[in-house]
């Protein structure tokens, strides 16, 4: 998988989680633990995306 494809997949998963969190916030029966876990996964994806974007911009050292 190319870097761009991997990055696009991570962004897609991040957006999906964002929508799921918003949906869960409107359900009174959603557990705080479930929301916390979803937010942690979303943050982890964001960190991965930023790391990949930074490495793609960094010049290669030889």
N, C-alpha and C. Protein backbone atom coordinates (compact mmCIF):
# COMPACT_ATOMS: atom_id res chain seq x y z
N UNK A 1 0.85 -1.17 0.00
CA UNK A 1 0.00 0.00 0.00
C UNK A 1 0.89 1.23 0.00
N UNK A 2 0.62 2.17 -0.89
CA UNK A 2 1.43 3.38 -0.96
C UNK A 2 1.13 4.28 0.23
N UNK A 3 2.01 5.22 0.46
CA UNK A 3 1.86 6.15 1.57
C UNK A 3 0.56 6.95 1.43
N UNK A 4 0.27 7.40 0.21
CA UNK A 4 -0.95 8.18 -0.01
C UNK A 4 -2.20 7.35 0.25
N UNK A 5 -2.20 6.10 -0.17
CA UNK A 5 -3.35 5.23 0.07
C UNK A 5 -3.52 4.97 1.55
N UNK A 6 -2.42 4.72 2.24
CA UNK A 6 -2.47 4.47 3.68
C UNK A 6 -2.99 5.70 4.41
N UNK A 7 -2.51 6.86 4.02
CA UNK A 7 -2.94 8.10 4.63
C UNK A 7 -4.43 8.34 4.38
N UNK A 8 -4.87 8.09 3.17
CA UNK A 8 -6.30 8.26 2.84
C UNK A 8 -7.17 7.32 3.66
N UNK A 9 -6.71 6.10 3.86
CA UNK A 9 -7.46 5.14 4.67
C UNK A 9 -7.54 5.59 6.12
N UNK A 10 -6.45 6.11 6.66
CA UNK A 10 -6.46 6.61 8.04
C UNK A 10 -7.42 7.79 8.19
N UNK A 11 -7.41 8.69 7.22
CA UNK A 11 -8.31 9.84 7.25
C UNK A 11 -9.76 9.37 7.17
N UNK A 12 -10.02 8.38 6.33
CA UNK A 12 -11.39 7.85 6.20
C UNK A 12 -11.85 7.26 7.54
N UNK A 13 -10.97 6.48 8.17
CA UNK A 13 -11.32 5.87 9.45
C UNK A 13 -11.53 6.92 10.54
N UNK A 14 -10.73 7.99 10.50
CA UNK A 14 -10.86 9.07 11.47
C UNK A 14 -12.22 9.75 11.32
N UNK A 15 -12.60 10.05 10.08
CA UNK A 15 -13.89 10.70 9.83
C UNK A 15 -15.06 9.80 10.23
N UNK A 16 -14.93 8.50 9.98
CA UNK A 16 -15.97 7.56 10.36
C UNK A 16 -16.15 7.54 11.87
N UNK A 17 -15.03 7.50 12.59
CA UNK A 17 -15.10 7.52 14.05
C UNK A 17 -15.72 8.83 14.55
N UNK A 18 -15.37 9.92 13.90
CA UNK A 18 -15.92 11.22 14.29
C UNK A 18 -17.45 11.22 14.17
N UNK A 19 -17.95 10.67 13.07
CA UNK A 19 -19.40 10.57 12.88
C UNK A 19 -20.04 9.65 13.91
N UNK A 20 -19.38 8.53 14.20
CA UNK A 20 -19.91 7.60 15.19
C UNK A 20 -19.97 8.23 16.58
N UNK A 21 -18.96 8.99 16.92
CA UNK A 21 -18.95 9.66 18.22
C UNK A 21 -20.10 10.66 18.30
N UNK A 22 -20.28 11.44 17.26
CA UNK A 22 -21.38 12.41 17.24
C UNK A 22 -22.73 11.71 17.40
N UNK A 23 -22.89 10.60 16.71
CA UNK A 23 -24.14 9.84 16.81
C UNK A 23 -24.34 9.33 18.23
N UNK A 24 -23.29 8.77 18.82
CA UNK A 24 -23.38 8.23 20.18
C UNK A 24 -23.65 9.30 21.22
N UNK A 25 -23.16 10.51 20.99
CA UNK A 25 -23.40 11.60 21.93
C UNK A 25 -24.87 11.95 22.05
N UNK A 26 -25.64 11.65 21.02
CA UNK A 26 -27.07 11.97 21.03
C UNK A 26 -27.94 10.85 21.58
N UNK A 27 -27.32 9.74 21.97
CA UNK A 27 -28.04 8.62 22.56
C UNK A 27 -27.80 8.63 24.06
N UNK A 28 -28.86 8.77 24.84
CA UNK A 28 -28.68 8.83 26.30
C UNK A 28 -28.15 7.52 26.90
N UNK A 29 -28.28 6.43 26.20
CA UNK A 29 -27.86 5.15 26.75
C UNK A 29 -26.39 4.81 26.48
N UNK A 30 -25.69 5.69 25.77
CA UNK A 30 -24.29 5.43 25.45
C UNK A 30 -23.45 5.52 26.71
N UNK A 31 -22.59 4.55 26.91
CA UNK A 31 -21.74 4.56 28.10
C UNK A 31 -20.56 5.52 27.91
N UNK A 32 -20.15 6.11 29.00
CA UNK A 32 -18.99 7.00 28.97
C UNK A 32 -17.74 6.23 28.56
N UNK A 33 -17.65 5.00 28.99
CA UNK A 33 -16.48 4.17 28.67
C UNK A 33 -16.38 3.93 27.16
N UNK A 34 -17.52 3.67 26.53
CA UNK A 34 -17.54 3.46 25.09
C UNK A 34 -17.09 4.73 24.36
N UNK A 35 -17.61 5.87 24.79
CA UNK A 35 -17.22 7.13 24.17
C UNK A 35 -15.73 7.41 24.37
N UNK A 36 -15.24 7.15 25.55
CA UNK A 36 -13.83 7.37 25.84
C UNK A 36 -12.95 6.51 24.93
N UNK A 37 -13.31 5.26 24.76
CA UNK A 37 -12.53 4.37 23.89
C UNK A 37 -12.56 4.85 22.44
N UNK A 38 -13.72 5.29 21.98
CA UNK A 38 -13.83 5.80 20.60
C UNK A 38 -12.98 7.05 20.42
N UNK A 39 -12.99 7.93 21.41
CA UNK A 39 -12.19 9.15 21.33
C UNK A 39 -10.70 8.83 21.37
N UNK A 40 -10.30 7.83 22.13
CA UNK A 40 -8.90 7.42 22.16
C UNK A 40 -8.45 6.89 20.80
N UNK A 41 -9.31 6.06 20.19
CA UNK A 41 -8.98 5.53 18.86
C UNK A 41 -8.87 6.67 17.84
N UNK A 42 -9.78 7.63 17.93
CA UNK A 42 -9.76 8.77 17.02
C UNK A 42 -8.47 9.57 17.21
N UNK A 43 -8.07 9.82 18.44
CA UNK A 43 -6.84 10.54 18.71
C UNK A 43 -5.62 9.78 18.20
N UNK A 44 -5.63 8.47 18.39
CA UNK A 44 -4.53 7.64 17.89
C UNK A 44 -4.43 7.75 16.36
N UNK A 45 -5.56 7.71 15.69
CA UNK A 45 -5.56 7.87 14.23
C UNK A 45 -5.03 9.24 13.83
N UNK A 46 -5.45 10.27 14.55
CA UNK A 46 -4.98 11.62 14.26
C UNK A 46 -3.46 11.71 14.40
N UNK A 47 -2.94 11.10 15.46
CA UNK A 47 -1.49 11.10 15.67
C UNK A 47 -0.77 10.38 14.53
N UNK A 48 -1.30 9.26 14.10
CA UNK A 48 -0.70 8.52 12.99
C UNK A 48 -0.71 9.34 11.71
N UNK A 49 -1.84 10.01 11.45
CA UNK A 49 -1.98 10.84 10.25
C UNK A 49 -0.94 11.96 10.27
N UNK A 50 -0.81 12.63 11.40
CA UNK A 50 0.15 13.73 11.50
C UNK A 50 1.58 13.24 11.35
N UNK A 51 1.88 12.08 11.90
CA UNK A 51 3.22 11.52 11.79
C UNK A 51 3.55 11.19 10.34
N UNK A 52 2.59 10.59 9.63
CA UNK A 52 2.82 10.25 8.22
C UNK A 52 2.96 11.50 7.37
N UNK A 53 2.13 12.50 7.64
CA UNK A 53 2.22 13.74 6.88
C UNK A 53 3.56 14.42 7.10
N UNK A 54 4.05 14.40 8.33
CA UNK A 54 5.34 15.02 8.64
C UNK A 54 6.47 14.26 7.96
N UNK A 55 6.38 12.95 7.95
CA UNK A 55 7.45 12.17 7.32
C UNK A 55 7.44 12.32 5.80
N UNK A 56 6.27 12.56 5.24
CA UNK A 56 6.17 12.75 3.80
C UNK A 56 6.77 14.09 3.38
N UNK A 57 6.72 15.07 4.28
CA UNK A 57 7.25 16.40 3.97
C UNK A 57 8.74 16.50 4.27
N UNK A 58 9.24 15.65 5.13
CA UNK A 58 10.65 15.71 5.53
C UNK A 58 11.55 15.25 4.37
N UNK A 59 12.64 15.94 4.15
CA UNK A 59 13.55 15.52 3.09
C UNK A 59 14.26 14.22 3.48
N UNK A 60 14.49 13.40 2.52
CA UNK A 60 15.16 12.12 2.77
C UNK A 60 16.65 12.35 3.00
N UNK A 61 17.19 11.72 4.01
CA UNK A 61 18.62 11.82 4.31
C UNK A 61 19.35 10.63 3.72
N UNK A 62 20.46 10.88 3.09
CA UNK A 62 21.23 9.80 2.47
C UNK A 62 22.54 9.65 3.17
